[in-house]
Protein backbone atom coordinates (compact mmCIF):
# COMPACT_ATOMS: atom_id res chain seq x y z
CA MET A 1 0.00 0.00 0.00
CA TYR A 2 1.24 3.48 -0.91
CA ASN A 3 -1.47 5.70 0.66
CA LEU A 4 -1.90 6.88 -2.92
CA LEU A 5 -5.37 8.29 -2.28
CA LYS A 6 -5.04 9.27 1.37
CA GLY A 7 -7.48 12.06 2.18
CA LYS A 8 -9.30 11.81 -1.16
CA LYS A 9 -13.06 11.35 -1.46
CA GLY A 10 -15.14 10.16 -4.36
CA ILE A 11 -18.12 8.39 -5.91
CA ILE A 12 -17.95 4.91 -7.43
CA PHE A 13 -20.71 3.99 -9.87
CA GLY A 14 -21.46 0.43 -10.92
CA ALA A 15 -20.16 -2.03 -8.32
CA LEU A 16 -22.50 -5.02 -8.51
CA ASP A 17 -20.63 -8.05 -7.20
CA GLU A 18 -17.09 -9.31 -6.64
CA ARG A 19 -16.62 -9.78 -10.41
CA SER A 20 -17.21 -6.06 -11.11
CA ILE A 21 -14.26 -3.87 -11.95
CA ALA A 22 -15.93 -1.12 -9.90
CA TRP A 23 -15.94 -3.49 -6.92
CA LYS A 24 -12.19 -4.00 -7.28
CA VAL A 25 -11.67 -0.24 -7.64
CA ALA A 26 -13.57 0.28 -4.38
CA GLU A 27 -11.51 -2.33 -2.54
CA ARG A 28 -8.22 -0.92 -3.78
CA ALA A 29 -9.24 2.72 -3.25
CA HIS A 30 -10.12 1.87 0.36
CA GLU A 31 -6.76 0.17 0.82
CA GLU A 32 -5.04 3.29 -0.53
CA GLY A 33 -6.77 5.59 1.93
CA ALA A 34 -9.76 6.93 -0.01
CA GLU A 35 -13.31 7.43 1.23
CA PHE A 36 -16.21 7.16 -1.20
CA VAL A 37 -19.92 6.79 -1.75
CA LEU A 38 -21.08 3.66 -3.56
CA THR A 39 -23.97 3.98 -5.99
CA ASN A 40 -25.94 1.75 -8.31
CA MET A 41 -29.48 1.25 -9.56
CA PRO A 42 -32.05 0.87 -6.77
CA ALA A 43 -32.75 -2.70 -7.94
CA ALA A 44 -29.04 -3.55 -7.74
CA VAL A 45 -28.83 -2.06 -4.25
CA ARG A 46 -31.83 -4.15 -3.13
CA MET A 47 -29.98 -7.31 -4.19
CA GLY A 48 -27.88 -6.79 -1.08
CA GLN A 49 -24.36 -7.61 -2.28
CA LEU A 50 -23.37 -3.95 -2.31
CA ASN A 51 -23.97 -3.86 1.44
CA GLU A 52 -21.05 -6.28 1.87
CA LEU A 53 -18.73 -3.91 0.00
CA ALA A 54 -20.03 -0.90 1.94
CA GLU A 55 -19.34 -2.65 5.23
CA GLN A 56 -15.91 -3.79 4.07
CA THR A 57 -14.87 -0.29 2.98
CA GLY A 58 -16.76 1.79 5.56
CA SER A 59 -18.77 3.43 2.80
CA GLU A 60 -22.31 4.71 2.47
CA ILE A 61 -24.63 3.65 -0.34
CA VAL A 62 -26.81 6.12 -2.21
CA ALA A 63 -29.05 4.43 -4.77
CA ALA A 64 -29.36 6.28 -8.07
CA ASN A 65 -30.51 5.55 -11.59
CA ALA A 66 -27.70 7.09 -13.64
CA THR A 67 -30.14 7.96 -16.44
CA SER A 68 -32.25 10.07 -14.06
CA VAL A 69 -31.26 13.71 -13.63
CA GLU A 70 -33.25 13.86 -10.38
CA ASP A 71 -31.48 10.80 -8.96
CA ILE A 72 -28.04 12.14 -9.85
CA GLU A 73 -28.86 15.54 -8.37
CA ASN A 74 -29.81 13.80 -5.14
CA LEU A 75 -26.64 11.68 -5.26
CA MET A 76 -24.44 14.77 -5.61
CA THR A 77 -26.26 16.58 -2.79
CA ARG A 78 -26.08 13.58 -0.46
CA THR A 79 -22.39 13.03 -1.24
CA LYS A 80 -21.51 16.59 -0.28
CA GLU A 81 -23.53 16.15 2.91
CA ILE A 82 -21.81 12.86 3.78
CA PHE A 83 -18.31 14.29 3.33
CA GLY A 84 -19.06 17.83 4.42
CA GLY A 85 -17.68 19.20 1.17
CA LYS A 86 -16.41 18.40 -2.29
CA ILE A 87 -14.90 15.23 -3.74
CA ASP A 88 -11.78 14.34 -5.72
CA PHE A 89 -12.75 11.47 -8.04
CA ILE A 90 -15.61 9.72 -9.80
CA LEU A 91 -15.62 6.29 -11.45
CA HIS A 92 -18.27 5.65 -14.12
CA SER A 93 -18.51 1.89 -14.62
CA ILE A 94 -21.91 1.58 -16.24
CA GLY A 95 -22.99 -0.27 -19.36
CA MET A 96 -25.97 -2.32 -20.48
CA SER A 97 -27.62 -3.32 -23.75
CA MET A 98 -31.14 -4.72 -23.87
CA ASN A 99 -30.44 -5.83 -27.45
CA VAL A 100 -27.62 -8.02 -26.13
CA ARG A 101 -29.73 -9.29 -23.25
CA LYS A 102 -32.64 -10.11 -25.52
CA GLY A 103 -30.46 -11.77 -28.15
CA ARG A 104 -31.18 -9.21 -30.88
CA LYS A 105 -28.50 -9.23 -33.57
CA TYR A 106 -26.80 -5.97 -34.58
CA THR A 107 -28.48 -6.08 -38.02
CA ASP A 108 -31.89 -6.47 -36.36
CA VAL A 109 -31.74 -4.28 -33.27
CA ASP A 110 -34.79 -2.91 -31.52
CA TYR A 111 -34.31 0.87 -31.76
CA ASN A 112 -36.03 1.61 -28.47
CA TYR A 113 -33.54 -0.78 -26.85
CA PHE A 114 -30.75 0.97 -28.79
CA LEU A 115 -31.74 4.34 -27.32
CA LYS A 116 -31.72 2.80 -23.84
CA THR A 117 -28.24 1.39 -24.50
CA VAL A 118 -26.93 4.85 -25.37
CA ASP A 119 -28.73 6.50 -22.45
CA ILE A 120 -27.47 3.99 -19.87
CA SER A 121 -23.97 3.42 -21.22
CA ALA A 122 -22.94 6.84 -22.56
CA LEU A 123 -25.39 9.69 -22.00
CA SER A 124 -25.35 8.88 -18.28
CA PHE A 125 -21.69 9.92 -18.25
CA HIS A 126 -22.60 13.36 -19.58
CA LYS A 127 -25.39 13.66 -17.01
CA VAL A 128 -23.05 12.76 -14.14
CA MET A 129 -20.46 15.33 -15.20
CA GLN A 130 -22.98 18.04 -16.04
CA LEU A 131 -24.59 17.76 -12.61
CA ALA A 132 -21.23 17.45 -10.85
CA MET A 133 -20.22 20.73 -12.49
CA LYS A 134 -23.53 22.49 -11.84
CA GLN A 135 -23.51 21.51 -8.16
CA ASP A 136 -19.78 22.29 -7.86
CA VAL A 137 -19.05 18.85 -6.45
CA MET A 138 -15.47 18.40 -7.69
CA ASN A 139 -12.35 19.82 -6.07
CA ASP A 140 -9.81 21.49 -8.34
CA TRP A 141 -7.49 18.94 -9.92
CA GLY A 142 -10.02 16.17 -9.41
CA SER A 143 -10.25 13.15 -11.71
CA ILE A 144 -13.14 11.44 -13.50
CA VAL A 145 -12.69 8.05 -15.18
CA ALA A 146 -15.09 5.96 -17.27
CA LEU A 147 -14.53 2.38 -18.41
CA THR A 148 -14.72 1.64 -22.12
CA TYR A 149 -13.72 -1.00 -24.67
CA SER A 150 -11.88 -1.04 -27.98
CA ALA A 151 -15.08 -1.95 -29.85
CA ALA A 152 -15.46 1.83 -29.98
CA GLN A 153 -12.74 1.82 -32.68
CA ARG A 154 -12.80 -1.71 -34.11
CA VAL A 155 -15.48 -4.22 -35.08
CA PHE A 156 -16.37 -7.02 -32.68
CA PRO A 157 -19.59 -8.44 -34.16
CA ASN A 158 -21.16 -9.75 -30.95
CA TYR A 159 -20.57 -6.50 -29.05
CA ASN A 160 -23.67 -5.16 -30.81
CA ASP A 161 -24.93 -1.63 -30.11
CA MET A 162 -22.59 -1.31 -27.14
CA ALA A 163 -19.90 -0.38 -29.69
CA GLU A 164 -21.74 2.83 -30.58
CA ALA A 165 -22.36 3.55 -26.92
CA LYS A 166 -18.67 3.21 -26.07
CA ALA A 167 -17.72 5.46 -29.00
CA MET A 168 -20.09 8.09 -27.67
CA LEU A 169 -18.76 7.62 -24.13
CA GLU A 170 -15.22 8.35 -25.30
CA SER A 171 -16.40 11.41 -27.24
CA VAL A 172 -18.20 12.73 -24.15
CA ALA A 173 -15.00 12.30 -22.14
CA ARG A 174 -13.05 14.42 -24.62
CA SER A 175 -15.69 17.12 -25.04
CA PHE A 176 -16.64 17.47 -21.39
CA GLY A 177 -13.02 17.03 -20.37
CA TYR A 178 -12.18 20.25 -22.20
CA HIS A 179 -14.81 22.25 -20.34
CA PHE A 180 -14.18 20.65 -16.94
CA GLY A 181 -10.46 21.24 -17.37
CA GLU A 182 -10.90 24.91 -18.22
CA LYS A 183 -13.38 25.54 -15.43
CA LYS A 184 -12.05 23.43 -12.53
CA LYS A 185 -8.79 21.80 -13.65
CA VAL A 186 -10.69 18.49 -13.43
CA ARG A 187 -9.34 15.81 -15.74
CA VAL A 188 -11.56 13.33 -17.59
CA ASN A 189 -10.33 10.10 -19.15
CA THR A 190 -11.57 6.73 -20.34
CA VAL A 191 -9.82 3.41 -19.72
CA SER A 192 -10.13 0.82 -22.48
CA GLN A 193 -9.82 -2.43 -20.58
CA SER A 194 -9.09 -5.99 -21.75
CA PRO A 195 -12.19 -8.19 -22.07
CA THR A 196 -12.93 -9.03 -18.44
CA GLU A 197 -15.21 -11.77 -17.16
CA THR A 198 -17.62 -9.55 -15.26
CA THR A 199 -21.33 -10.26 -14.83
CA ALA A 200 -22.13 -7.76 -17.59
CA GLY A 201 -19.38 -8.95 -19.96
CA SER A 202 -20.52 -12.55 -19.76
CA LYS A 203 -23.81 -11.59 -21.46
CA VAL A 204 -21.99 -11.15 -24.79
CA ASP A 205 -22.23 -14.18 -27.13
CA SER A 206 -19.13 -16.43 -27.18
CA PHE A 207 -17.47 -14.18 -24.61
CA GLY A 208 -15.27 -16.93 -23.19
CA ASN A 209 -13.82 -17.64 -26.63
CA PHE A 210 -13.06 -13.98 -27.14
CA VAL A 211 -11.35 -13.67 -23.77
CA ALA A 212 -9.08 -16.56 -24.78
CA TYR A 213 -8.41 -15.01 -28.20
CA ALA A 214 -7.57 -11.59 -26.72
CA ASP A 215 -5.23 -13.24 -24.23
CA ALA A 216 -3.41 -15.01 -27.08
CA MET A 217 -3.22 -11.77 -29.06
CA SER A 218 -1.83 -9.63 -26.24
CA PRO A 219 1.94 -9.68 -25.62
CA LEU A 220 1.33 -9.24 -21.89
CA GLY A 221 -1.90 -11.22 -21.78
CA ASN A 222 -5.26 -9.86 -20.67
CA ALA A 223 -5.24 -7.30 -17.86
CA SER A 224 -7.17 -8.45 -14.78
CA ALA A 225 -9.91 -6.51 -13.03
CA VAL A 226 -7.57 -5.82 -10.11
CA ASP A 227 -4.90 -4.45 -12.43
CA CYS A 228 -7.53 -2.25 -14.08
CA ALA A 229 -8.46 -0.99 -10.61
CA ASN A 230 -4.82 -0.14 -9.94
CA TYR A 231 -4.67 1.83 -13.19
CA CYS A 232 -7.83 3.75 -12.27
CA LEU A 233 -6.29 4.58 -8.88
CA ALA A 234 -3.23 5.99 -10.63
CA LEU A 235 -5.55 8.24 -12.64
CA PHE A 236 -7.34 9.36 -9.47
CA SER A 237 -4.02 10.18 -7.83
CA ASP A 238 -1.96 13.37 -8.04
CA LEU A 239 0.64 11.51 -10.12
CA THR A 240 -1.45 12.04 -13.28
CA LYS A 241 -2.47 15.68 -12.84
CA TYR A 242 -1.91 16.61 -16.48
CA VAL A 243 -3.48 13.57 -18.15
CA THR A 244 -6.90 14.46 -19.52
CA MET A 245 -9.24 13.92 -22.49
CA GLN A 246 -7.46 10.64 -23.29
CA ASN A 247 -8.67 7.16 -24.13
CA LEU A 248 -6.06 5.04 -22.35
CA TYR A 249 -5.62 1.41 -23.36
CA HIS A 250 -5.15 -1.07 -20.53
CA ASP A 251 -5.18 -4.27 -22.52
CA GLY A 252 -1.76 -5.93 -22.45
CA GLY A 253 -0.95 -4.57 -25.90
CA PHE A 254 -3.99 -6.06 -27.67
CA SER A 255 -5.00 -2.77 -29.31
CA SER A 256 -1.60 -2.40 -31.00
CA THR A 257 -1.09 -6.01 -32.11
CA GLY A 258 -1.99 -7.05 -35.65
CA MET A 259 -1.39 -10.76 -35.08
CA SER A 260 0.61 -12.56 -32.42
CA GLU A 261 2.53 -15.73 -33.10
CA GLU A 262 0.46 -17.63 -30.53
CA ALA A 263 -2.83 -16.51 -32.09
CA MET A 264 -1.54 -17.32 -35.58
CA VAL A 265 -0.64 -20.87 -34.55
CA LYS A 266 -3.98 -21.42 -32.80
CA VAL A 267 -6.02 -20.02 -35.68
CA GLY A 268 -4.01 -22.10 -38.14
CA GLU A 269 -4.57 -25.25 -36.15
CA GLY A 270 -8.28 -24.57 -36.03
CA ILE A 271 -8.53 -23.95 -39.77
CA LEU A 272 -6.49 -27.02 -40.69
CA LYS A 273 -8.52 -29.43 -38.54
């Protein structure tokens, strides 16, 4: 432990269970000295698992639907009340596609579901930052991080309409990052993580096969959820004060690799069988 976040306070969106990256971020942030509010959908809070994390980290839970302006306003108000002032970091770890859940193919999406995907997975990020700015929640030189995936730049057929949502999420980070930087010196970044076997990720068709493929393609192998949490903590810390408006790959080199020798051998073996 380095006391990397000693004295810092924040909000962590999206911890659901022990498989969640946000859950690992909360555990590691607590170990590094941070205090934070945990938030998720009211239904997710009622499931009860978040209470375990709150008890473990000495945190309070404030239920909020991240697509609801009213809920986020209440979350920001309650957070300032809990800490008696402003905060230093926010993690946005939110994403969901009804088209994926309902098995709708990308070429046959339900457009009402598509709009919900964008609202939940991307527009919510804008809402969180807009209300954080309006309510003056962030301290100067604070840090906001959202989790994304490289399907925002490249085609992964089974990722469906989440690809568009992640592309929008990254654009929001750049655009809002400019304004938040000018106004409050707050930095805004996205972390493009390796495919990670979270509860949400496992909903994607053939996800296990893709995790294995990405691992074979990455010189360092897939980054774990804990390692992603460590990277997020570095971005919350004062060691990255001038990093903003960036999409930062945390994927073992996958995003820069055309074809690895291991993947080439495995693909060849599969084709020749």
